[in-house]
C-alpha cells in the first residue's frame, strides 16, 4: 500500500499581504510532499502433517499468564 500526501500552505501579514505589488514581500508559501509505503513480510515455514484426532498445538499453548505485579514492573 502506498500513501501520498501533498500539503500547500500560504502565510501572510493581514492586509499588507493583500497589497498588489508589496504583498509578495510579506507573503510566504510552503509545499510538503510525503510518501509512506506499507510492506508486509511473510516467512514461510514447513510443518509436519497433522495426525487425525490429535490436538494441534499453537504458540499460545506455552504462554504463562502474567499477574498484576509483573504488569507494573
PDB file of N, CA and C in Angstrom:
ATOM      1  N   UNK A   1       0.829  -1.171   0.000  1.00  0.00           N
ATOM      2  CA  UNK A   1       0.000   0.000   0.000  1.00  0.00           C
ATOM      3  C   UNK A   1       0.879   1.242   0.000  1.00  0.00           C
ATOM      4  N   UNK A   2       0.444   2.246  -0.697  1.00  0.00           N
ATOM      5  CA  UNK A   2       1.192   3.497  -0.819  1.00  0.00           C
ATOM      6  C   UNK A   2       0.281   4.658  -0.437  1.00  0.00           C
ATOM      7  N   UNK A   3       0.787   5.552   0.410  1.00  0.00           N
ATOM      8  CA  UNK A   3       0.026   6.721   0.852  1.00  0.00           C
ATOM      9  C   UNK A   3       0.783   7.975   0.442  1.00  0.00           C
ATOM     10  N   UNK A   4       0.154   8.828  -0.355  1.00  0.00           N
ATOM     11  CA  UNK A   4       0.755  10.093  -0.794  1.00  0.00           C
ATOM     12  C   UNK A   4       0.000  11.252  -0.155  1.00  0.00           C
ATOM     13  N   UNK A   5       0.759  12.223   0.369  1.00  0.00           N
ATOM     14  CA  UNK A   5       0.148  13.426   0.936  1.00  0.00           C
ATOM     15  C   UNK A   5       0.845  14.645   0.363  1.00  0.00           C
ATOM     16  N   UNK A   6       0.050  15.588  -0.107  1.00  0.00           N
ATOM     17  CA  UNK A   6       0.562  16.852  -0.631  1.00  0.00           C
ATOM     18  C   UNK A   6      -0.084  17.979   0.179  1.00  0.00           C
ATOM     19  N   UNK A   7       0.736  18.867   0.717  1.00  0.00           N
ATOM     20  CA  UNK A   7       0.237  19.971   1.529  1.00  0.00           C
ATOM     21  C   UNK A   7       0.817  21.278   1.015  1.00  0.00           C
ATOM     22  N   UNK A   8      -0.039  22.253   0.821  1.00  0.00           N
ATOM     23  CA  UNK A   8       0.382  23.594   0.418  1.00  0.00           C
ATOM     24  C   UNK A   8      -0.110  24.571   1.479  1.00  0.00           C
ATOM     25  N   UNK A   9       0.789  25.432   1.944  1.00  0.00           N
ATOM     26  CA  UNK A   9       0.438  26.389   2.982  1.00  0.00           C
ATOM     27  C   UNK A   9       0.924  27.771   2.570  1.00  0.00           C
ATOM     28  N   UNK A  10       0.089  28.769   2.782  1.00  0.00           N
ATOM     29  CA  UNK A  10       0.463  30.144   2.451  1.00  0.00           C
ATOM     30  C   UNK A  10       0.211  31.016   3.675  1.00  0.00           C
ATOM     31  N   UNK A  11       1.232  31.781   4.073  1.00  0.00           N
ATOM     32  CA  UNK A  11       1.124  32.680   5.227  1.00  0.00           C
ATOM     33  C   UNK A  11       1.401  34.105   4.775  1.00  0.00           C
ATOM     34  N   UNK A  12       0.698  35.051   5.374  1.00  0.00           N
ATOM     35  CA  UNK A  12       0.900  36.460   5.023  1.00  0.00           C
ATOM     36  C   UNK A  12       0.492  37.337   6.197  1.00  0.00           C
ATOM     37  N   UNK A  13       0.993  38.537   6.209  1.00  0.00           N
ATOM     38  CA  UNK A  13       0.573  39.509   7.207  1.00  0.00           C
ATOM     39  C   UNK A  13      -0.805  40.038   6.816  1.00  0.00           C
ATOM     40  N   UNK A  14      -1.670  40.226   7.793  1.00  0.00           N
ATOM     41  CA  UNK A  14      -3.005  40.727   7.463  1.00  0.00           C
ATOM     42  C   UNK A  14      -2.936  42.075   6.743  1.00  0.00           C
ATOM     43  N   UNK A  15      -3.718  42.243   5.761  1.00  0.00           N
ATOM     44  CA  UNK A  15      -3.892  43.438   4.910  1.00  0.00           C
ATOM     45  C   UNK A  15      -2.649  43.751   4.079  1.00  0.00           C
ATOM     46  N   UNK A  16      -1.458  43.694   4.668  1.00  0.00           N
ATOM     47  CA  UNK A  16      -0.250  44.034   3.900  1.00  0.00           C
ATOM     48  C   UNK A  16       0.026  42.962   2.849  1.00  0.00           C
ATOM     49  N   UNK A  17      -0.253  41.696   3.174  1.00  0.00           N
ATOM     50  CA  UNK A  17      -0.032  40.614   2.220  1.00  0.00           C
ATOM     51  C   UNK A  17      -0.971  40.659   1.036  1.00  0.00           C
ATOM     52  N   UNK A  18      -2.033  41.458   1.105  1.00  0.00           N
ATOM     53  CA  UNK A  18      -3.001  41.556   0.012  1.00  0.00           C
ATOM     54  C   UNK A  18      -2.746  42.746  -0.903  1.00  0.00           C
ATOM     55  N   UNK A  19      -1.770  43.568  -0.564  1.00  0.00           N
ATOM     56  CA  UNK A  19      -1.439  44.716  -1.416  1.00  0.00           C
ATOM     57  C   UNK A  19      -0.835  44.169  -2.708  1.00  0.00           C
ATOM     58  N   UNK A  20      -1.295  44.619  -3.894  1.00  0.00           N
ATOM     59  CA  UNK A  20      -0.881  44.019  -5.166  1.00  0.00           C
ATOM     60  C   UNK A  20       0.629  43.901  -5.383  1.00  0.00           C
ATOM     61  N   UNK A  21       1.420  44.909  -5.200  1.00  0.00           N
ATOM     62  CA  UNK A  21       2.851  44.834  -5.514  1.00  0.00           C
ATOM     63  C   UNK A  21       3.670  44.485  -4.275  1.00  0.00           C
ATOM     64  N   UNK A  22       3.427  45.159  -3.185  1.00  0.00           N
ATOM     65  CA  UNK A  22       4.197  44.944  -1.963  1.00  0.00           C
ATOM     66  C   UNK A  22       3.782  43.676  -1.212  1.00  0.00           C
ATOM     67  N   UNK A  23       2.641  43.141  -1.543  1.00  0.00           N
ATOM     68  CA  UNK A  23       2.141  41.962  -0.837  1.00  0.00           C
ATOM     69  C   UNK A  23       3.041  40.749  -0.958  1.00  0.00           C
ATOM     70  N   UNK A  24       3.734  40.603  -2.085  1.00  0.00           N
ATOM     71  CA  UNK A  24       4.617  39.445  -2.266  1.00  0.00           C
ATOM     72  C   UNK A  24       5.807  39.478  -1.316  1.00  0.00           C
ATOM     73  N   UNK A  25       6.198  40.646  -0.836  1.00  0.00           N
ATOM     74  CA  UNK A  25       7.298  40.747   0.123  1.00  0.00           C
ATOM     75  C   UNK A  25       6.876  40.290   1.521  1.00  0.00           C
ATOM     76  N   UNK A  26       5.589  40.315   1.793  1.00  0.00           N
ATOM     77  CA  UNK A  26       5.082  39.960   3.114  1.00  0.00           C
ATOM     78  C   UNK A  26       4.274  38.658   3.080  1.00  0.00           C
ATOM     79  N   UNK A  27       4.574  37.804   2.120  1.00  0.00           N
ATOM     80  CA  UNK A  27       3.845  36.557   1.931  1.00  0.00           C
ATOM     81  C   UNK A  27       4.848  35.423   1.770  1.00  0.00           C
ATOM     82  N   UNK A  28       4.522  34.246   2.280  1.00  0.00           N
ATOM     83  CA  UNK A  28       5.384  33.073   2.091  1.00  0.00           C
ATOM     84  C   UNK A  28       4.514  31.855   1.797  1.00  0.00           C
ATOM     85  N   UNK A  29       5.075  30.933   1.048  1.00  0.00           N
ATOM     86  CA  UNK A  29       4.367  29.699   0.704  1.00  0.00           C
ATOM     87  C   UNK A  29       5.287  28.516   0.987  1.00  0.00           C
ATOM     88  N   UNK A  30       4.701  27.416   1.439  1.00  0.00           N
ATOM     89  CA  UNK A  30       5.477  26.198   1.674  1.00  0.00           C
ATOM     90  C   UNK A  30       4.733  25.016   1.065  1.00  0.00           C
ATOM     91  N   UNK A  31       5.490  24.066   0.563  1.00  0.00           N
ATOM     92  CA  UNK A  31       4.949  22.876  -0.074  1.00  0.00           C
ATOM     93  C   UNK A  31       5.563  21.661   0.602  1.00  0.00           C
ATOM     94  N   UNK A  32       4.741  20.668   0.894  1.00  0.00           N
ATOM     95  CA  UNK A  32       5.214  19.456   1.549  1.00  0.00           C
ATOM     96  C   UNK A  32       4.619  18.251   0.839  1.00  0.00           C
ATOM     97  N   UNK A  33       5.487  17.314   0.478  1.00  0.00           N
ATOM     98  CA  UNK A  33       5.049  16.078  -0.168  1.00  0.00           C
ATOM     99  C   UNK A  33       5.643  14.926   0.629  1.00  0.00           C
ATOM    100  N   UNK A  34       4.798  13.973   1.042  1.00  0.00           N
ATOM    101  CA  UNK A  34       5.289  12.814   1.781  1.00  0.00           C
ATOM    102  C   UNK A  34       4.663  11.545   1.215  1.00  0.00           C
ATOM    103  N   UNK A  35       5.460  10.491   1.216  1.00  0.00           N
ATOM    104  CA  UNK A  35       5.005   9.180   0.745  1.00  0.00           C
ATOM    105  C   UNK A  35       5.303   8.149   1.830  1.00  0.00           C
ATOM    106  N   UNK A  36       4.355   7.257   2.053  1.00  0.00           N
ATOM    107  CA  UNK A  36       4.520   6.195   3.034  1.00  0.00           C
ATOM    108  C   UNK A  36       4.184   4.869   2.365  1.00  0.00           C
ATOM    109  N   UNK A  37       5.081   3.902   2.502  1.00  0.00           N
ATOM    110  CA  UNK A  37       4.871   2.565   1.956  1.00  0.00           C
ATOM    111  C   UNK A  37       4.607   1.592   3.095  1.00  0.00           C
ATOM    112  N   UNK A  38       3.662   0.686   2.908  1.00  0.00           N
ATOM    113  CA  UNK A  38       3.406  -0.384   3.858  1.00  0.00           C
ATOM    114  C   UNK A  38       3.912  -1.673   3.234  1.00  0.00           C
ATOM    115  N   UNK A  39       4.865  -2.307   3.904  1.00  0.00           N
ATOM    116  CA  UNK A  39       5.454  -3.544   3.405  1.00  0.00           C
ATOM    117  C   UNK A  39       5.116  -4.657   4.384  1.00  0.00           C
ATOM    118  N   UNK A  40       4.593  -5.748   3.879  1.00  0.00           N
ATOM    119  CA  UNK A  40       4.265  -6.911   4.698  1.00  0.00           C
ATOM    120  C   UNK A  40       5.235  -8.022   4.326  1.00  0.00           C
ATOM    121  N   UNK A  41       5.960  -8.517   5.329  1.00  0.00           N
ATOM    122  CA  UNK A  41       6.951  -9.568   5.099  1.00  0.00           C
ATOM    123  C   UNK A  41       6.408 -10.868   5.684  1.00  0.00           C
ATOM    124  N   UNK A  42       6.408 -11.920   4.875  1.00  0.00           N
ATOM    125  CA  UNK A  42       5.902 -13.227   5.289  1.00  0.00           C
ATOM    126  C   UNK A  42       7.044 -14.225   5.225  1.00  0.00           C
ATOM    127  N   UNK A  43       7.204 -15.016   6.292  1.00  0.00           N
ATOM    128  CA  UNK A  43       8.231 -16.052   6.326  1.00  0.00           C
ATOM    129  C   UNK A  43       7.547 -17.414   6.247  1.00  0.00           C
ATOM    130  N   UNK A  44       7.736 -18.140   5.161  1.00  0.00           N
ATOM    131  CA  UNK A  44       7.119 -19.467   5.054  1.00  0.00           C
ATOM    132  C   UNK A  44       7.876 -20.487   5.913  1.00  0.00           C
ATOM    133  N   UNK A  45       7.154 -21.408   6.511  1.00  0.00           N
ATOM    134  CA  UNK A  45       7.766 -22.467   7.320  1.00  0.00           C
ATOM    135  C   UNK A  45       7.093 -23.789   6.975  1.00  0.00           C
ATOM    136  N   UNK A  46       7.892 -24.840   6.884  1.00  0.00           N
ATOM    137  CA  UNK A  46       7.372 -26.174   6.629  1.00  0.00           C
ATOM    138  C   UNK A  46       6.970 -26.807   7.949  1.00  0.00           C
ATOM    139  N   UNK A  47       5.817 -27.456   7.971  1.00  0.00           N
ATOM    140  CA  UNK A  47       5.333 -28.117   9.181  1.00  0.00           C
ATOM    141  C   UNK A  47       5.022 -29.568   8.865  1.00  0.00           C
ATOM    142  N   UNK A  48       4.989 -30.377   9.922  1.00  0.00           N
ATOM    143  CA  UNK A  48       4.636 -31.784   9.737  1.00  0.00           C
ATOM    144  C   UNK A  48       3.120 -31.899   9.583  1.00  0.00           C
ATOM    145  N   UNK A  49       2.645 -32.847   8.781  1.00  0.00           N
ATOM    146  CA  UNK A  49       1.201 -33.033   8.645  1.00  0.00           C
ATOM    147  C   UNK A  49       0.592 -33.465   9.984  1.00  0.00           C
ATOM    148  N   UNK A  50      -0.625 -33.047  10.233  1.00  0.00           N
ATOM    149  CA  UNK A  50      -1.314 -33.382  11.478  1.00  0.00           C
ATOM    150  C   UNK A  50      -1.858 -34.800  11.417  1.00  0.00           C
ATOM    151  N   UNK A  51      -1.797 -35.457  12.568  1.00  0.00           N
ATOM    152  CA  UNK A  51      -2.361 -36.802  12.695  1.00  0.00           C
ATOM    153  C   UNK A  51      -3.848 -36.641  13.005  1.00  0.00           C
ATOM    154  N   UNK A  52      -4.718 -37.375  12.293  1.00  0.00           N
ATOM    155  CA  UNK A  52      -6.155 -37.243  12.558  1.00  0.00           C
ATOM    156  C   UNK A  52      -6.476 -37.561  14.023  1.00  0.00           C
ATOM    157  N   UNK A  53      -7.261 -36.706  14.658  1.00  0.00           N
ATOM    158  CA  UNK A  53      -7.670 -36.900  16.047  1.00  0.00           C
ATOM    159  C   UNK A  53      -6.720 -36.282  17.062  1.00  0.00           C
ATOM    160  N   UNK A  54      -5.535 -35.861  16.649  1.00  0.00           N
ATOM    161  CA  UNK A  54      -4.570 -35.262  17.578  1.00  0.00           C
ATOM    162  C   UNK A  54      -4.840 -33.760  17.687  1.00  0.00           C
ATOM    163  N   UNK A  55      -4.713 -33.251  18.916  1.00  0.00           N
ATOM    164  CA  UNK A  55      -4.933 -31.823  19.136  1.00  0.00           C
ATOM    165  C   UNK A  55      -3.749 -31.042  18.569  1.00  0.00           C
ATOM    166  N   UNK A  56      -4.047 -30.000  17.800  1.00  0.00           N
ATOM    167  CA  UNK A  56      -2.997 -29.167  17.223  1.00  0.00           C
ATOM    168  C   UNK A  56      -2.520 -28.156  18.263  1.00  0.00           C
ATOM    169  N   UNK A  57      -1.205 -27.970  18.343  1.00  0.00           N
ATOM    170  CA  UNK A  57      -0.661 -27.011  19.303  1.00  0.00           C
ATOM    171  C   UNK A  57      -0.438 -25.666  18.612  1.00  0.00           C
ATOM    172  N   UNK A  58      -0.550 -24.612  19.401  1.00  0.00           N
ATOM    173  CA  UNK A  58      -0.319 -23.255  18.909  1.00  0.00           C
ATOM    174  C   UNK A  58       0.741 -22.597  19.783  1.00  0.00           C
ATOM    175  N   UNK A  59       1.335 -21.499  19.337  1.00  0.00           N
ATOM    176  CA  UNK A  59       2.311 -20.802  20.181  1.00  0.00           C
ATOM    177  C   UNK A  59       1.713 -20.302  21.496  1.00  0.00           C
ATOM    178  N   UNK A  60       0.402 -20.110  21.549  1.00  0.00           N
ATOM    179  CA  UNK A  60      -0.233 -19.634  22.779  1.00  0.00           C
ATOM    180  C   UNK A  60      -0.373 -20.731  23.823  1.00  0.00           C
ATOM    181  N   UNK A  61      -0.204 -22.009  23.444  1.00  0.00           N
ATOM    182  CA  UNK A  61      -0.303 -23.100  24.409  1.00  0.00           C
ATOM    183  C   UNK A  61       0.812 -23.037  25.449  1.00  0.00           C
ATOM    184  N   UNK A  62       1.961 -22.479  25.125  1.00  0.00           N
ATOM    185  CA  UNK A  62       3.097 -22.425  26.037  1.00  0.00           C
ATOM    186  C   UNK A  62       3.172 -21.089  26.770  1.00  0.00           C
ATOM    187  N   UNK A  63       2.160 -20.275  26.659  1.00  0.00           N
ATOM    188  CA  UNK A  63       2.136 -18.953  27.284  1.00  0.00           C
ATOM    189  C   UNK A  63       1.860 -19.089  28.773  1.00  0.00           C
ATOM    190  N   UNK A  64       2.584 -18.302  29.566  1.00  0.00           N
ATOM    191  CA  UNK A  64       2.375 -18.269  31.010  1.00  0.00           C
ATOM    192  C   UNK A  64       1.611 -16.989  31.332  1.00  0.00           C
ATOM    193  N   UNK A  65       0.508 -17.144  32.042  1.00  0.00           N
ATOM    194  CA  UNK A  65      -0.309 -15.979  32.376  1.00  0.00           C
ATOM    195  C   UNK A  65       0.443 -15.082  33.349  1.00  0.00           C
ATOM    196  N   UNK A  66       0.412 -13.783  33.097  1.00  0.00           N
ATOM    197  CA  UNK A  66       1.075 -12.823  33.969  1.00  0.00           C
ATOM    198  C   UNK A  66       0.173 -12.421  35.121  1.00  0.00           C
ATOM    199  N   UNK A  67       0.749 -11.706  36.070  1.00  0.00           N
ATOM    200  CA  UNK A  67      -0.041 -11.203  37.187  1.00  0.00           C
ATOM    201  C   UNK A  67       0.104  -9.688  37.247  1.00  0.00           C
ATOM    202  N   UNK A  68      -0.593  -9.061  38.173  1.00  0.00           N
ATOM    203  CA  UNK A  68      -0.581  -7.597  38.260  1.00  0.00           C
ATOM    204  C   UNK A  68       0.793  -7.047  38.608  1.00  0.00           C
ATOM    205  N   UNK A  69       1.557  -7.753  39.417  1.00  0.00           N
ATOM    206  CA  UNK A  69       2.885  -7.270  39.806  1.00  0.00           C
ATOM    207  C   UNK A  69       3.807  -7.236  38.587  1.00  0.00           C
ATOM    208  N   UNK A  70       3.782  -8.282  37.768  1.00  0.00           N
ATOM    209  CA  UNK A  70       4.613  -8.303  36.557  1.00  0.00           C
ATOM    210  C   UNK A  70       4.201  -7.206  35.586  1.00  0.00           C
ATOM    211  N   UNK A  71       2.920  -6.864  35.572  1.00  0.00           N
ATOM    212  CA  UNK A  71       2.435  -5.831  34.661  1.00  0.00           C
ATOM    213  C   UNK A  71       3.039  -4.467  34.984  1.00  0.00           C
ATOM    214  N   UNK A  72       3.181  -4.151  36.268  1.00  0.00           N
ATOM    215  CA  UNK A  72       3.676  -2.839  36.667  1.00  0.00           C
ATOM    216  C   UNK A  72       5.184  -2.771  36.814  1.00  0.00           C
ATOM    217  N   UNK A  73       5.881  -3.881  36.824  1.00  0.00           N
ATOM    218  CA  UNK A  73       7.344  -3.854  36.963  1.00  0.00           C
ATOM    219  C   UNK A  73       7.967  -3.833  35.644  1.00  0.00           C
TER     220      UNK A  73
END
